[in-house]
Amino acid sequence: MREPSDELVVAGIDLSGTVARLAAAAPAADAAASFPHDGIRAVHEAGLLGLSVAARYGGRDLSLGDLARLAAALGRGDPSVALISLMTLFAHRQQALAGLWPDPLYRRVLAEGERGPVLLNAARGEPELGSPARGGLPRTRARRTARGWSISGTKRFVTGCEGLSYLLVWASTDEPPQRVGTFVVPGSAPGIRIVESWSSLGLRASGSHDVVFDEVEIPHDDVIGLVPADIAGQDNRAQAALTLVVTALYLGVAEAARDAFLAFAEDRVPANLGYPIARTERFTALAGEIDLLVGGARQIIVGALDQAKPEPDTLLRARLLAGRQVKQAVQLAVGALGNPGLSRDTGLERHFRDVQSVLVHAPQEDTVVALLGRTAFARAAADQAPPVDRLPAA
């Protein structure tokens, strides 16, 4: 087996023990498609769920590059745990940047996090709306009441919903003029029902089920960023950095697949060969191809996010390039081993299923390609425009 590398040290924290715990628990959670309680407990005990909390609240305020490195490390152990954890880390990072949470509520959340895992996630997608990344407003309604707000509607693909402490529900108000905002709903509030609809090929333990809200009441002040409905759309370019961080967790999946491939090749000694297949020219070349794809994806991701002020299009382009490479790397590893590559014994079968989701997250691949294409045409048109005549200076 490969020794723990610098890939498992993030912001001075050695994650090798935590990643080993995640990897040990992941197969059972995947097989049962059950919430990964053991993995979340390991992440909490390592103090990782609060790494993106702002320094003004006593947190580490982790950089985007280090968030990606953390996502890759956790994804190597269990990508379902990595995704659930990232949703919480993103919520804390949003507060660090924008400070939109009511301060007493946010400090209560942080205090709860000192006693146990506090998981947060945005509930945005809807059956009728689809992905907010494609435009549209939520049909989920927040109705004004004497005590605050009453939330009703259905949300789709709410990752980790079975273990969420708070759901950040994107909803429209019933008031004239209509507004749109994020309503902070406790996961234990009466009127919440989980519909176990998640039956995906990969990330089976992420529990991205549907959640139904039936007149769920919350206090008046527990809302983030209420804005007029006509300016409430999702800006895909503004989310480019976070989508690239999500891609990094699949980099971790590909690194786990690479390690499984190398371990198999080093241990496999055919009788007619008399030495490990790792010494053959074919497997040496395969290992080099896989390392080129996986190592290249890591360079693309962290290189883009470590820039001082990366352009959104740079981040979107990095996401597609890295995402395609990690899928190709895992496919190559599985195909090279034949039947063992499709066996649960090597772990590659699970890694292959998990990595298929790398470009499914919003904004999806076709949306990103269209954004880049429109930018390319706009740039070409600007380059070809005739120069504007200017009067000489007085």
Protein backbone atom coordinates (compact mmCIF):
# COMPACT_ATOMS: atom_id res chain seq x y z
CA MET A 1 0.00 0.00 0.00
CA ARG A 2 1.09 3.56 -0.66
CA GLU A 3 2.29 5.61 2.27
CA PRO A 4 0.18 8.65 3.25
CA SER A 5 1.26 11.58 1.11
CA ASP A 6 1.10 15.35 1.17
CA GLU A 7 -2.32 14.96 -0.51
CA LEU A 8 -3.70 14.01 2.93
CA VAL A 9 -2.27 17.03 4.77
CA VAL A 10 -4.49 20.11 4.50
CA ALA A 11 -3.76 23.43 6.22
CA GLY A 12 -1.31 21.63 8.50
CA ILE A 13 -3.87 18.96 9.48
CA ASP A 14 -2.94 15.30 8.89
CA LEU A 15 -6.12 13.70 7.58
CA SER A 16 -4.73 10.21 7.01
CA GLY A 17 -6.41 8.74 10.10
CA THR A 18 -9.77 10.33 9.31
CA VAL A 19 -9.60 9.21 5.67
CA ALA A 20 -8.82 5.65 6.82
CA ARG A 21 -11.90 5.70 9.08
CA LEU A 22 -14.06 6.93 6.22
CA ALA A 23 -12.72 4.30 3.84
CA ALA A 24 -13.37 1.53 6.36
CA ALA A 25 -17.00 2.56 6.87
CA ALA A 26 -17.83 3.51 3.27
CA PRO A 27 -18.52 0.04 1.75
CA ALA A 28 -21.22 -0.81 4.30
CA ALA A 29 -22.95 2.56 3.98
CA ASP A 30 -22.85 2.28 0.19
CA ALA A 31 -24.22 -1.27 0.17
CA ALA A 32 -27.11 -0.34 2.50
CA ALA A 33 -27.63 3.12 0.95
CA SER A 34 -27.83 4.37 4.52
CA PHE A 35 -26.85 7.68 6.09
CA PRO A 36 -23.10 7.53 6.88
CA HIS A 37 -23.29 8.18 10.62
CA ASP A 38 -19.84 6.72 11.30
CA GLY A 39 -18.20 8.85 8.63
CA ILE A 40 -19.88 12.07 9.75
CA ARG A 41 -18.87 11.34 13.33
CA ALA A 42 -15.25 10.89 12.19
CA VAL A 43 -15.29 14.22 10.32
CA HIS A 44 -16.81 16.01 13.31
CA GLU A 45 -14.34 14.51 15.80
CA ALA A 46 -11.49 15.66 13.55
CA GLY A 47 -12.87 19.22 13.76
CA LEU A 48 -13.35 19.52 10.01
CA LEU A 49 -16.96 20.70 9.75
CA GLY A 50 -16.10 24.18 11.01
CA LEU A 51 -12.90 24.85 9.07
CA SER A 52 -14.59 27.44 6.84
CA VAL A 53 -16.08 29.40 9.74
CA ALA A 54 -14.92 33.02 9.66
CA ALA A 55 -11.99 34.07 11.82
CA ARG A 56 -14.23 36.65 13.51
CA TYR A 57 -16.23 33.73 14.93
CA GLY A 58 -13.10 31.85 15.98
CA GLY A 59 -12.83 29.68 12.86
CA ARG A 60 -10.05 28.92 10.40
CA ASP A 61 -11.64 30.68 7.38
CA LEU A 62 -10.13 28.04 5.08
CA SER A 63 -9.13 29.21 1.60
CA LEU A 64 -10.78 27.86 -1.54
CA GLY A 65 -7.66 25.94 -2.50
CA ASP A 66 -7.52 24.25 0.90
CA LEU A 67 -11.26 23.54 0.74
CA ALA A 68 -10.60 21.68 -2.51
CA ARG A 69 -7.72 19.77 -0.94
CA LEU A 70 -9.98 18.86 1.99
CA ALA A 71 -12.74 17.74 -0.39
CA ALA A 72 -10.30 15.53 -2.29
CA ALA A 73 -9.01 13.94 0.91
CA LEU A 74 -12.51 13.20 2.21
CA GLY A 75 -13.61 12.00 -1.22
CA ARG A 76 -10.80 9.48 -1.19
CA GLY A 77 -12.31 7.98 1.94
CA ASP A 78 -16.05 8.35 1.28
CA PRO A 79 -17.43 10.77 -1.34
CA SER A 80 -20.91 10.71 0.26
CA VAL A 81 -19.45 11.99 3.53
CA ALA A 82 -17.36 14.47 1.57
CA LEU A 83 -20.42 15.89 -0.22
CA ILE A 84 -22.49 16.17 2.96
CA SER A 85 -19.58 17.86 4.73
CA LEU A 86 -19.00 20.28 1.86
CA MET A 87 -22.57 21.51 2.01
CA THR A 88 -22.00 22.50 5.64
CA LEU A 89 -18.63 24.05 4.86
CA PHE A 90 -20.17 26.08 2.02
CA ALA A 91 -22.88 27.44 4.33
CA HIS A 92 -20.25 28.61 6.80
CA ARG A 93 -18.17 30.13 4.01
CA GLN A 94 -21.18 32.07 2.73
CA GLN A 95 -21.62 33.56 6.18
CA ALA A 96 -17.91 34.38 6.36
CA LEU A 97 -18.16 36.32 3.09
CA ALA A 98 -21.59 37.92 3.25
CA GLY A 99 -22.65 37.85 6.91
CA LEU A 100 -26.33 37.47 6.01
CA TRP A 101 -27.33 35.16 8.87
CA PRO A 102 -29.03 36.72 11.90
CA ASP A 103 -26.13 36.85 14.35
CA PRO A 104 -27.91 35.22 17.34
CA LEU A 105 -29.06 32.32 15.16
CA TYR A 106 -25.62 31.76 13.66
CA ARG A 107 -23.91 31.84 17.03
CA ARG A 108 -26.42 29.28 18.29
CA VAL A 109 -25.54 27.02 15.35
CA LEU A 110 -21.84 27.32 16.18
CA ALA A 111 -22.49 26.54 19.84
CA GLU A 112 -24.43 23.42 18.89
CA GLY A 113 -21.51 22.37 16.70
CA GLU A 114 -19.26 22.22 19.74
CA ARG A 115 -21.47 19.48 21.22
CA GLY A 116 -21.93 17.33 18.14
CA PRO A 117 -22.10 17.33 14.34
CA VAL A 118 -24.25 20.19 13.02
CA LEU A 119 -24.99 19.67 9.35
CA LEU A 120 -26.37 22.40 7.08
CA ASN A 121 -27.52 22.27 3.48
CA ALA A 122 -29.42 24.40 1.01
CA ALA A 123 -32.73 22.98 -0.24
CA ARG A 124 -33.19 24.61 -3.65
CA GLY A 125 -34.21 22.17 -6.39
CA GLU A 126 -37.90 21.39 -6.92
CA PRO A 127 -39.94 18.92 -9.01
CA GLU A 128 -41.42 21.65 -11.22
CA LEU A 129 -38.43 23.98 -11.19
CA GLY A 130 -35.70 21.43 -11.78
CA SER A 131 -32.27 22.93 -11.18
CA PRO A 132 -32.19 26.62 -10.13
CA ALA A 133 -29.04 26.87 -12.26
CA ARG A 134 -31.30 26.85 -15.32
CA GLY A 135 -33.41 29.77 -14.12
CA GLY A 136 -36.81 30.14 -12.53
CA LEU A 137 -38.18 30.86 -9.07
CA PRO A 138 -39.20 28.46 -6.33
CA ARG A 139 -42.80 27.37 -5.89
CA THR A 140 -42.13 26.64 -2.23
CA ARG A 141 -43.98 29.34 -0.29
CA ALA A 142 -43.16 31.22 2.89
CA ARG A 143 -46.42 32.55 4.32
CA ARG A 144 -46.39 35.33 6.88
CA THR A 145 -47.98 34.40 10.21
CA ALA A 146 -48.41 36.12 13.54
CA ARG A 147 -45.33 34.31 14.87
CA GLY A 148 -43.10 34.35 11.81
CA TRP A 149 -43.17 32.25 8.62
CA SER A 150 -44.94 29.08 7.56
CA ILE A 151 -43.06 27.08 4.90
CA SER A 152 -44.82 24.72 2.46
CA GLY A 153 -43.46 22.98 -0.64
CA THR A 154 -41.32 20.12 -1.91
CA LYS A 155 -37.55 20.14 -2.42
CA ARG A 156 -35.54 17.62 -4.43
CA PHE A 157 -32.02 16.21 -4.06
CA VAL A 158 -31.48 17.50 -0.52
CA THR A 159 -28.14 15.86 0.20
CA GLY A 160 -27.80 14.41 3.70
CA CYS A 161 -31.37 15.37 4.61
CA GLU A 162 -31.73 12.56 7.14
CA GLY A 163 -28.97 14.04 9.28
CA LEU A 164 -29.35 17.78 8.69
CA SER A 165 -29.57 20.01 11.73
CA TYR A 166 -30.85 22.90 9.59
CA LEU A 167 -32.29 23.01 6.09
CA LEU A 168 -31.71 26.28 4.22
CA VAL A 169 -34.93 26.42 2.22
CA TRP A 170 -35.12 28.63 -0.86
CA ALA A 171 -38.69 29.93 -1.04
CA SER A 172 -40.89 32.74 -2.34
CA THR A 173 -42.99 34.84 0.02
CA ASP A 174 -46.75 35.32 -0.29
CA GLU A 175 -46.51 39.08 0.21
CA PRO A 176 -46.95 41.84 -2.37
CA PRO A 177 -44.48 42.53 -3.80
CA GLN A 178 -43.14 38.98 -3.74
CA ARG A 179 -39.67 38.34 -2.36
CA VAL A 180 -37.34 35.34 -2.44
CA GLY A 181 -34.96 34.21 0.29
CA THR A 182 -33.46 31.35 2.25
CA PHE A 183 -35.40 30.28 5.33
CA VAL A 184 -33.51 28.51 8.11
CA VAL A 185 -35.60 25.49 9.09
CA PRO A 186 -34.54 23.13 11.93
CA GLY A 187 -34.34 19.55 10.74
CA SER A 188 -36.45 18.43 13.71
CA ALA A 189 -39.30 20.90 13.06
CA PRO A 190 -42.84 19.46 12.89
CA GLY A 191 -44.25 19.22 9.38
CA ILE A 192 -41.10 17.92 7.65
CA ARG A 193 -41.38 14.63 5.77
CA ILE A 194 -38.55 12.86 3.94
CA VAL A 195 -39.49 10.93 0.79
CA GLU A 196 -36.80 8.31 0.21
CA SER A 197 -36.46 8.89 -3.51
CA TRP A 198 -32.67 8.73 -3.86
CA SER A 199 -31.72 5.61 -5.87
CA SER A 200 -28.71 6.83 -7.79
CA LEU A 201 -25.94 4.72 -9.30
CA GLY A 202 -23.31 6.39 -7.10
CA LEU A 203 -23.01 8.31 -3.83
CA ARG A 204 -25.69 6.00 -2.50
CA ALA A 205 -25.00 6.99 1.12
CA SER A 206 -25.48 10.71 0.44
CA GLY A 207 -29.24 10.32 0.99
CA SER A 208 -30.17 13.08 -1.47
CA HIS A 209 -33.89 12.46 -1.00
CA ASP A 210 -36.93 14.68 -1.53
CA VAL A 211 -38.15 16.70 1.44
CA VAL A 212 -41.76 17.85 1.86
CA PHE A 213 -42.55 20.89 4.04
CA ASP A 214 -46.14 21.14 5.28
CA GLU A 215 -46.81 24.40 7.09
CA VAL A 216 -43.46 24.29 8.89
CA GLU A 217 -43.24 27.31 11.20
CA ILE A 218 -40.08 29.26 11.96
CA PRO A 219 -39.43 32.61 13.70
CA HIS A 220 -39.71 35.83 11.72
CA ASP A 221 -35.97 36.62 11.85
CA ASP A 222 -34.71 33.17 10.76
CA VAL A 223 -34.31 34.10 7.11
CA ILE A 224 -31.25 34.90 4.98
CA GLY A 225 -31.09 37.42 2.17
CA LEU A 226 -34.68 38.29 1.29
CA VAL A 227 -34.60 40.10 -2.06
CA PRO A 228 -37.16 41.14 -4.70
CA ALA A 229 -38.23 38.23 -6.89
CA ASP A 230 -37.01 39.88 -10.10
CA ILE A 231 -33.35 39.75 -9.00
CA ALA A 232 -33.37 36.34 -7.31
CA GLY A 233 -31.97 34.13 -10.08
CA GLN A 234 -28.86 31.98 -9.59
CA ASP A 235 -25.63 33.33 -11.05
CA ASN A 236 -23.75 30.29 -12.36
CA ARG A 237 -20.53 32.22 -12.81
CA ALA A 238 -20.68 33.43 -9.21
CA GLN A 239 -20.87 29.80 -8.07
CA ALA A 240 -17.97 28.65 -10.26
CA ALA A 241 -15.47 28.37 -7.41
CA LEU A 242 -17.75 26.21 -5.27
CA THR A 243 -18.62 23.88 -8.15
CA LEU A 244 -14.90 23.38 -8.73
CA VAL A 245 -14.46 22.51 -5.04
CA VAL A 246 -17.22 19.89 -5.45
CA THR A 247 -15.30 18.49 -8.42
CA ALA A 248 -12.33 18.02 -6.08
CA LEU A 249 -14.17 15.39 -4.05
CA TYR A 250 -14.31 13.27 -7.22
CA LEU A 251 -10.60 13.84 -7.64
CA GLY A 252 -10.38 12.02 -4.31
CA VAL A 253 -12.48 9.18 -5.75
CA ALA A 254 -10.07 8.91 -8.69
CA GLU A 255 -7.08 8.91 -6.32
CA ALA A 256 -8.68 6.07 -4.36
CA ALA A 257 -9.22 4.18 -7.62
CA ARG A 258 -5.61 4.80 -8.61
CA ASP A 259 -4.41 3.43 -5.27
CA ALA A 260 -6.64 0.37 -5.61
CA PHE A 261 -5.31 -0.24 -9.12
CA LEU A 262 -1.69 0.02 -7.97
CA ALA A 263 -2.28 -2.25 -4.97
CA PHE A 264 -3.89 -4.91 -7.15
CA ALA A 265 -1.05 -4.75 -9.69
CA GLU A 266 1.58 -5.07 -6.96
CA ASP A 267 -0.18 -8.02 -5.29
CA ARG A 268 -1.20 -9.96 -8.39
CA VAL A 269 1.40 -12.61 -9.28
CA PRO A 270 0.19 -14.90 -12.10
CA ALA A 271 1.67 -18.42 -11.99
CA ASN A 272 2.83 -18.20 -15.59
CA LEU A 273 4.60 -14.91 -14.89
CA GLY A 274 6.20 -15.49 -11.51
CA TYR A 275 6.33 -11.82 -10.52
CA PRO A 276 3.80 -9.01 -9.96
CA ILE A 277 2.03 -7.65 -13.01
CA ALA A 278 3.10 -4.21 -11.79
CA ARG A 279 6.52 -4.98 -13.30
CA THR A 280 5.17 -5.54 -16.79
CA GLU A 281 5.49 -2.87 -19.44
CA ARG A 282 1.73 -2.81 -19.96
CA PHE A 283 0.86 -2.07 -16.35
CA THR A 284 3.71 0.40 -16.00
CA ALA A 285 2.28 2.31 -18.96
CA LEU A 286 -1.25 2.07 -17.56
CA ALA A 287 -0.09 3.39 -14.19
CA GLY A 288 1.58 6.29 -15.96
CA GLU A 289 -1.57 7.14 -17.92
CA ILE A 290 -3.72 7.03 -14.79
CA ASP A 291 -1.24 9.17 -12.87
CA LEU A 292 -1.13 11.65 -15.75
CA LEU A 293 -4.92 12.04 -15.68
CA VAL A 294 -5.34 12.10 -11.89
CA GLY A 295 -2.28 14.20 -11.11
CA GLY A 296 -3.17 16.55 -13.96
CA ALA A 297 -6.70 16.98 -12.58
CA ARG A 298 -5.27 17.91 -9.18
CA GLN A 299 -2.99 20.50 -10.78
CA ILE A 300 -5.91 21.97 -12.72
CA ILE A 301 -8.20 22.22 -9.69
CA VAL A 302 -5.87 23.54 -7.02
CA GLY A 303 -3.97 25.66 -9.53
CA ALA A 304 -7.14 27.47 -10.51
CA LEU A 305 -8.40 27.92 -6.95
CA ASP A 306 -5.05 29.02 -5.54
CA GLN A 307 -5.01 32.05 -7.84
CA ALA A 308 -5.52 35.36 -6.08
CA LYS A 309 -8.53 36.39 -8.19
CA PRO A 310 -9.46 33.59 -10.60
CA GLU A 311 -11.87 34.49 -13.39
CA PRO A 312 -15.20 32.58 -13.30
CA ASP A 313 -14.65 31.22 -16.81
CA THR A 314 -11.24 29.91 -15.74
CA LEU A 315 -12.89 28.03 -12.89
CA LEU A 316 -15.71 26.67 -15.07
CA ARG A 317 -13.21 25.52 -17.67
CA ALA A 318 -11.10 23.85 -14.98
CA ARG A 319 -14.17 22.06 -13.69
CA LEU A 320 -14.96 20.44 -17.03
CA LEU A 321 -11.37 19.54 -17.83
CA ALA A 322 -10.70 18.02 -14.41
CA GLY A 323 -14.08 16.28 -14.28
CA ARG A 324 -13.55 14.61 -17.63
CA GLN A 325 -10.06 13.53 -16.65
CA VAL A 326 -11.03 11.87 -13.36
CA LYS A 327 -13.82 9.94 -15.10
CA GLN A 328 -11.39 8.78 -17.76
CA ALA A 329 -8.81 7.74 -15.17
CA VAL A 330 -11.24 5.54 -13.21
CA GLN A 331 -12.60 4.03 -16.43
CA LEU A 332 -9.04 3.19 -17.46
CA ALA A 333 -8.26 1.52 -14.12
CA VAL A 334 -11.46 -0.55 -14.15
CA GLY A 335 -11.06 -1.61 -17.77
CA ALA A 336 -7.43 -2.63 -17.28
CA LEU A 337 -8.25 -5.14 -14.53
CA GLY A 338 -11.16 -6.84 -16.26
CA ASN A 339 -13.39 -8.82 -13.89
CA PRO A 340 -11.47 -7.77 -10.73
CA GLY A 341 -12.11 -4.17 -11.72
CA LEU A 342 -15.85 -4.79 -11.49
CA SER A 343 -15.62 -6.65 -8.19
CA ARG A 344 -16.50 -5.10 -4.85
CA ASP A 345 -13.40 -6.79 -3.43
CA THR A 346 -11.03 -4.25 -5.01
CA GLY A 347 -13.24 -1.22 -4.36
CA LEU A 348 -12.94 -0.10 -7.98
CA GLU A 349 -16.56 -0.96 -8.74
CA ARG A 350 -17.77 1.53 -6.11
CA HIS A 351 -15.29 4.18 -7.25
CA PHE A 352 -16.48 3.74 -10.83
CA ARG A 353 -20.11 4.27 -9.80
CA ASP A 354 -19.31 7.27 -7.63
CA VAL A 355 -17.22 9.13 -10.19
CA GLN A 356 -20.07 9.12 -12.74
CA SER A 357 -21.66 11.99 -10.79
CA VAL A 358 -18.72 14.36 -11.21
CA LEU A 359 -20.37 16.57 -13.86
CA VAL A 360 -23.98 16.05 -12.76
CA HIS A 361 -23.92 18.80 -10.12
CA ALA A 362 -25.43 22.14 -11.10
CA PRO A 363 -24.58 23.85 -13.30
CA GLN A 364 -24.46 20.75 -15.50
CA GLU A 365 -21.94 20.19 -18.27
CA ASP A 366 -24.14 21.49 -21.09
CA THR A 367 -24.92 24.68 -19.15
CA VAL A 368 -21.22 25.34 -18.55
CA VAL A 369 -20.32 24.66 -22.18
CA ALA A 370 -23.04 27.09 -23.31
CA LEU A 371 -21.72 29.78 -20.93
CA LEU A 372 -18.20 29.36 -22.27
CA GLY A 373 -19.47 29.36 -25.85
CA ARG A 374 -21.38 32.61 -25.43
CA THR A 375 -18.30 34.21 -23.89
CA ALA A 376 -16.16 33.02 -26.80
CA PHE A 377 -18.54 34.54 -29.37
CA ALA A 378 -18.78 37.79 -27.42
CA ARG A 379 -14.99 38.02 -27.23
CA ALA A 380 -14.64 37.32 -30.95
CA ALA A 381 -17.23 39.98 -31.79
CA ALA A 382 -15.43 42.52 -29.60
CA ASP A 383 -12.10 41.71 -31.27
CA GLN A 384 -13.57 42.19 -34.76
CA ALA A 385 -15.42 45.45 -34.00
CA PRO A 386 -14.00 48.45 -35.90
CA PRO A 387 -12.17 51.00 -33.75
CA VAL A 388 -14.21 53.93 -32.54
CA ASP A 389 -13.09 57.27 -34.00
CA ARG A 390 -11.92 59.56 -31.29
CA LEU A 391 -11.61 63.34 -31.37
CA PRO A 392 -8.12 64.67 -30.68
CA ALA A 393 -7.54 65.86 -27.19
CA ALA A 394 -8.10 69.58 -26.66
